[in-house]
Amino acid sequence: MPGSDRQWRRQTDQFDWFSNYLRERGMQPQWRWATFSFTVLLATLPVIMLSSP
């Protein structure tokens, strides 16, 4: 059992797989901008809602 635990911890996770996928296709800049845009949008919505009647 201890050997299988070490092997399990060394496996790549979804973050590594997704990062490699984006890097190989040259999509990292677009993904960064999309993530930034959605974060800004979701952060400003509560402020807008507070100022509305």
Protein backbone atom coordinates (compact mmCIF):
# COMPACT_ATOMS: atom_id res chain seq x y z
CA MET A 1 0.00 0.00 0.00
CA PRO A 2 2.72 2.60 0.74
CA GLY A 3 4.15 2.18 -2.76
CA SER A 4 0.81 2.83 -4.42
CA ASP A 5 0.37 5.95 -2.29
CA ARG A 6 3.67 7.39 -3.53
CA GLN A 7 2.78 6.54 -7.11
CA TRP A 8 -0.61 8.22 -6.75
CA ARG A 9 0.97 11.44 -5.45
CA ARG A 10 3.40 11.60 -8.39
CA GLN A 11 0.66 11.51 -11.03
CA THR A 12 -0.04 14.69 -12.93
CA ASP A 13 -3.25 16.42 -11.99
CA GLN A 14 -5.87 18.17 -14.07
CA PHE A 15 -4.07 21.52 -13.76
CA ASP A 16 -0.92 20.11 -15.40
CA TRP A 17 -2.93 18.45 -18.16
CA PHE A 18 -4.92 21.61 -18.90
CA SER A 19 -1.84 23.84 -18.80
CA ASN A 20 -0.03 21.59 -21.27
CA TYR A 21 -3.09 21.50 -23.53
CA LEU A 22 -3.28 25.31 -23.66
CA ARG A 23 0.48 25.70 -24.12
CA GLU A 24 0.67 23.22 -27.01
CA ARG A 25 -2.11 25.01 -28.87
CA GLY A 26 -0.86 28.53 -28.15
CA MET A 27 -4.03 29.41 -26.27
CA GLN A 28 -2.53 30.59 -22.97
CA PRO A 29 -2.78 34.34 -23.72
CA GLN A 30 -6.44 34.06 -24.74
CA TRP A 31 -7.23 31.97 -21.68
CA ARG A 32 -5.52 34.49 -19.39
CA TRP A 33 -7.50 37.37 -20.89
CA ALA A 34 -10.76 35.43 -20.65
CA THR A 35 -10.08 34.57 -17.01
CA PHE A 36 -9.14 38.18 -16.24
CA SER A 37 -12.24 39.53 -18.02
CA PHE A 38 -14.65 37.23 -16.22
CA THR A 39 -13.01 37.98 -12.88
CA VAL A 40 -13.34 41.74 -13.42
CA LEU A 41 -16.93 41.35 -14.59
CA LEU A 42 -17.92 39.22 -11.61
CA ALA A 43 -16.14 41.59 -9.21
CA THR A 44 -17.92 44.67 -10.55
CA LEU A 45 -21.42 43.21 -10.58
CA PRO A 46 -21.93 43.45 -6.79
CA VAL A 47 -20.73 47.07 -6.82
CA ILE A 48 -23.16 47.91 -9.62
CA MET A 49 -25.98 46.14 -7.80
CA LEU A 50 -25.27 48.12 -4.61
CA SER A 51 -25.58 51.41 -6.47
CA SER A 52 -28.83 50.47 -8.22
CA PRO A 53 -32.19 51.40 -6.67
